């Protein structure tokens, strides 16, 4: 779920890191469309592209008998909602990491650290239900779990669709908190912008 987003972002070279390096980040701030809104639209496109590939993989997996369908219609419906919320959280995390480029020479280290945390604590490497209970209790409430663990748990039936509202509410809360934080960071980044020393 996250791999398609990461590949797309790297292939497009539309990151703050690459734009600051070549000086073209200034165009983010002089367009009629705000830099924050431009990045949000770009993030939506990346998410839709990644979702398309995810759906292709899902169809192939179902046809080949490698992937089971959700246990019920309501489970499928809440999975779609949880996936959409998870993509918003994933975008906000990636955006915050990208915005560190305004304060660092390179964001490579921060990218690697967050990518590792995302892979481990989202259930992308090992499902969270295999974690020791204490670690699972903590990791399950971090924003990383909202990106993969919740949608996958709903899809597989590990979380019953009728009992999904606390998980969806927590995902929505992370969306709001991370959006507020990224808005604050955007404001500070706009004041901090240096291009080629000027």
Protein backbone atom coordinates (compact mmCIF):
# COMPACT_ATOMS: atom_id res chain seq x y z
CA UNK A 1 0.00 0.00 0.00
CA UNK A 2 2.83 2.36 0.78
CA UNK A 3 5.29 1.14 -1.84
CA UNK A 4 3.41 2.61 -4.80
CA UNK A 5 3.33 6.02 -3.12
CA UNK A 6 7.05 5.94 -2.36
CA UNK A 7 7.95 4.85 -5.89
CA UNK A 8 5.72 7.53 -7.43
CA UNK A 9 7.12 10.29 -5.25
CA UNK A 10 10.70 9.30 -6.08
CA UNK A 11 10.01 8.98 -9.80
CA UNK A 12 8.26 12.33 -10.08
CA UNK A 13 11.09 14.26 -8.36
CA UNK A 14 8.36 16.50 -6.94
CA UNK A 15 9.75 16.52 -3.43
CA UNK A 16 10.80 19.52 -1.38
CA UNK A 17 14.29 18.00 -1.17
CA UNK A 18 14.79 17.91 -4.95
CA UNK A 19 13.10 21.27 -5.50
CA UNK A 20 15.20 23.01 -2.85
CA UNK A 21 18.36 21.50 -4.31
CA UNK A 22 17.76 22.93 -7.80
CA UNK A 23 16.09 26.15 -6.61
CA UNK A 24 12.77 25.51 -8.36
CA UNK A 25 10.96 25.33 -5.00
CA UNK A 26 10.45 29.07 -5.35
CA UNK A 27 7.78 28.34 -7.97
CA UNK A 28 5.76 26.51 -5.32
CA UNK A 29 5.37 29.85 -3.55
CA UNK A 30 4.73 32.20 -6.49
CA UNK A 31 1.97 30.27 -8.25
CA UNK A 32 -1.66 31.31 -7.82
CA UNK A 33 -2.20 27.90 -6.19
CA UNK A 34 -0.59 27.71 -2.75
CA UNK A 35 2.32 25.32 -2.22
CA UNK A 36 0.32 23.42 0.40
CA UNK A 37 -2.62 22.93 -1.95
CA UNK A 38 -0.34 22.00 -4.87
CA UNK A 39 1.31 19.28 -2.78
CA UNK A 40 -2.11 18.04 -1.62
CA UNK A 41 -3.33 17.67 -5.22
CA UNK A 42 -0.07 15.95 -6.16
CA UNK A 43 -0.49 13.63 -3.16
CA UNK A 44 -4.02 12.79 -4.26
CA UNK A 45 -2.72 11.85 -7.71
CA UNK A 46 0.00 9.67 -6.20
CA UNK A 47 -2.57 7.99 -3.96
CA UNK A 48 -4.93 7.29 -6.86
CA UNK A 49 -2.06 5.88 -8.92
CA UNK A 50 -0.94 3.62 -6.05
CA UNK A 51 -4.55 2.55 -5.46
CA UNK A 52 -4.92 1.58 -9.11
CA UNK A 53 -1.91 -0.73 -8.85
CA UNK A 54 -3.20 -2.10 -5.55
CA UNK A 55 -6.54 -2.93 -7.19
CA UNK A 56 -4.80 -4.62 -10.13
CA UNK A 57 -2.80 -6.74 -7.68
CA UNK A 58 -5.94 -7.51 -5.68
CA UNK A 59 -7.85 -8.66 -8.77
CA UNK A 60 -4.95 -10.86 -9.90
CA UNK A 61 -4.61 -12.26 -6.38
CA UNK A 62 -8.33 -13.06 -6.12
CA UNK A 63 -8.48 -14.61 -9.61
CA UNK A 64 -5.43 -16.79 -8.87
CA UNK A 65 -6.86 -17.82 -5.50
CA UNK A 66 -4.03 -16.20 -3.54
CA UNK A 67 -6.16 -13.53 -1.85
CA UNK A 68 -9.57 -14.05 -0.25
CA UNK A 69 -12.35 -11.50 -0.52
CA UNK A 70 -13.51 -9.65 2.64
CA UNK A 71 -15.80 -11.72 4.87
CA UNK A 72 -18.87 -9.55 4.16
CA UNK A 73 -20.18 -6.55 2.27
CA UNK A 74 -20.03 -4.28 5.34
CA UNK A 75 -16.42 -5.38 5.91
CA UNK A 76 -15.57 -4.38 2.33
CA UNK A 77 -17.28 -1.01 2.77
CA UNK A 78 -15.48 -0.11 6.00
CA UNK A 79 -12.21 -1.37 4.48
CA UNK A 80 -12.58 1.14 1.64
CA UNK A 81 -13.24 3.95 4.15
CA UNK A 82 -10.32 2.86 6.35
CA UNK A 83 -8.07 2.66 3.30
CA UNK A 84 -9.00 6.22 2.26
CA UNK A 85 -8.33 7.53 5.78
CA UNK A 86 -5.08 5.57 5.86
CA UNK A 87 -3.95 7.17 2.63
CA UNK A 88 -4.57 10.63 4.11
CA UNK A 89 -2.48 9.72 7.17
CA UNK A 90 0.24 8.27 4.92
CA UNK A 91 0.30 11.48 2.87
CA UNK A 92 0.52 13.68 5.96
CA UNK A 93 3.41 11.66 7.41
CA UNK A 94 5.28 11.76 4.09
CA UNK A 95 4.61 15.49 3.78
CA UNK A 96 5.98 16.23 7.24
CA UNK A 97 9.10 14.23 6.47
CA UNK A 98 9.50 16.04 3.15
CA UNK A 99 9.10 19.42 4.81
CA UNK A 100 12.11 18.71 7.04
CA UNK A 101 14.14 19.58 3.91
CA UNK A 102 13.57 23.25 4.72
CA UNK A 103 15.69 22.86 7.87
CA UNK A 104 18.21 20.17 6.92
CA UNK A 105 20.89 19.83 4.27
CA UNK A 106 19.39 16.51 3.26
CA UNK A 107 16.29 14.69 4.43
CA UNK A 108 17.69 11.27 3.48
CA UNK A 109 18.27 10.19 7.09
CA UNK A 110 14.84 11.34 8.23
CA UNK A 111 13.27 9.59 5.22
CA UNK A 112 15.03 6.31 6.04
CA UNK A 113 14.14 6.51 9.74
CA UNK A 114 10.46 7.19 9.08
CA UNK A 115 10.34 4.57 6.29
CA UNK A 116 11.68 1.98 8.74
CA UNK A 117 9.19 3.04 11.43
CA UNK A 118 6.38 3.01 8.87
CA UNK A 119 7.28 -0.47 7.64
CA UNK A 120 7.65 -1.94 11.12
CA UNK A 121 4.91 -0.17 13.07
CA UNK A 122 2.23 -0.17 10.37
CA UNK A 123 2.09 -3.93 10.07
CA UNK A 124 3.60 -3.75 6.59
CA UNK A 125 6.52 -6.03 7.49
CA UNK A 126 4.90 -8.19 10.17
CA UNK A 127 1.18 -7.87 10.98
CA UNK A 128 0.70 -6.12 14.30
CA UNK A 129 -1.37 -9.00 15.65
CA UNK A 130 1.90 -11.04 15.80
CA UNK A 131 3.62 -8.41 18.00
CA UNK A 132 4.03 -8.94 21.76
CA UNK A 133 1.00 -7.56 23.55
CA UNK A 134 2.69 -4.45 25.04
CA UNK A 135 4.26 -3.41 21.75
CA UNK A 136 1.02 -4.15 19.88
CA UNK A 137 -0.93 -1.94 22.30
CA UNK A 138 1.43 0.99 21.69
CA UNK A 139 1.97 0.48 17.93
CA UNK A 140 -1.76 0.07 17.35
CA UNK A 141 -2.39 3.67 18.41
CA UNK A 142 0.40 5.29 16.39
CA UNK A 143 -0.38 6.96 13.06
CA UNK A 144 1.61 4.27 11.23
CA UNK A 145 -0.97 1.62 12.20
CA UNK A 146 -3.71 3.78 10.69
CA UNK A 147 -2.11 3.45 7.25
CA UNK A 148 -1.95 -0.33 6.84
CA UNK A 149 -2.91 -2.27 9.96
CA UNK A 150 -6.47 -0.96 10.27
CA UNK A 151 -7.51 -1.42 6.60
CA UNK A 152 -5.90 -4.88 6.41
CA UNK A 153 -7.43 -5.96 9.74
CA UNK A 154 -10.86 -4.90 8.51
CA UNK A 155 -10.35 -6.60 5.14
CA UNK A 156 -9.32 -9.88 6.74
CA UNK A 157 -12.04 -9.77 9.39
CA UNK A 158 -9.65 -9.50 12.36
CA UNK A 159 -11.63 -6.35 13.22
CA UNK A 160 -15.36 -6.89 12.87
CA UNK A 161 -17.09 -4.33 10.66
CA UNK A 162 -19.73 -3.69 13.33
CA UNK A 163 -16.99 -2.79 15.85
CA UNK A 164 -14.88 -0.70 13.47
CA UNK A 165 -15.98 2.79 14.53
CA UNK A 166 -13.27 3.31 17.24
CA UNK A 167 -10.57 2.45 14.70
CA UNK A 168 -12.06 4.71 12.05
CA UNK A 169 -12.42 7.51 14.62
CA UNK A 170 -8.77 7.13 15.58
CA UNK A 171 -7.75 7.26 11.92
CA UNK A 172 -9.83 10.42 11.44
CA UNK A 173 -8.24 11.94 14.56
CA UNK A 174 -4.76 11.28 13.15
CA UNK A 175 -5.83 12.89 9.87
CA UNK A 176 -6.89 16.05 11.70
CA UNK A 177 -3.86 16.21 14.02
CA UNK A 178 -1.31 15.60 11.26
CA UNK A 179 -3.06 18.07 8.93
CA UNK A 180 -2.91 20.75 11.64
CA UNK A 181 0.76 20.02 12.27
CA UNK A 182 1.61 20.06 8.55
CA UNK A 183 -0.23 23.39 8.15
CA UNK A 184 1.91 24.87 10.93
CA UNK A 185 5.10 23.46 9.39
CA UNK A 186 4.11 24.86 5.96
CA UNK A 187 3.78 28.35 7.45
CA UNK A 188 7.20 28.11 9.06
CA UNK A 189 8.74 26.63 5.91
CA UNK A 190 7.47 29.53 3.79
CA UNK A 191 9.20 31.97 6.15
CA UNK A 192 12.35 29.84 6.22
CA UNK A 193 12.76 29.41 2.45
CA UNK A 194 16.30 29.92 1.18
CA UNK A 195 17.16 29.27 -2.46
CA UNK A 196 20.82 29.21 -3.51
CA UNK A 197 21.71 31.25 -0.42
CA UNK A 198 19.21 34.07 -1.13
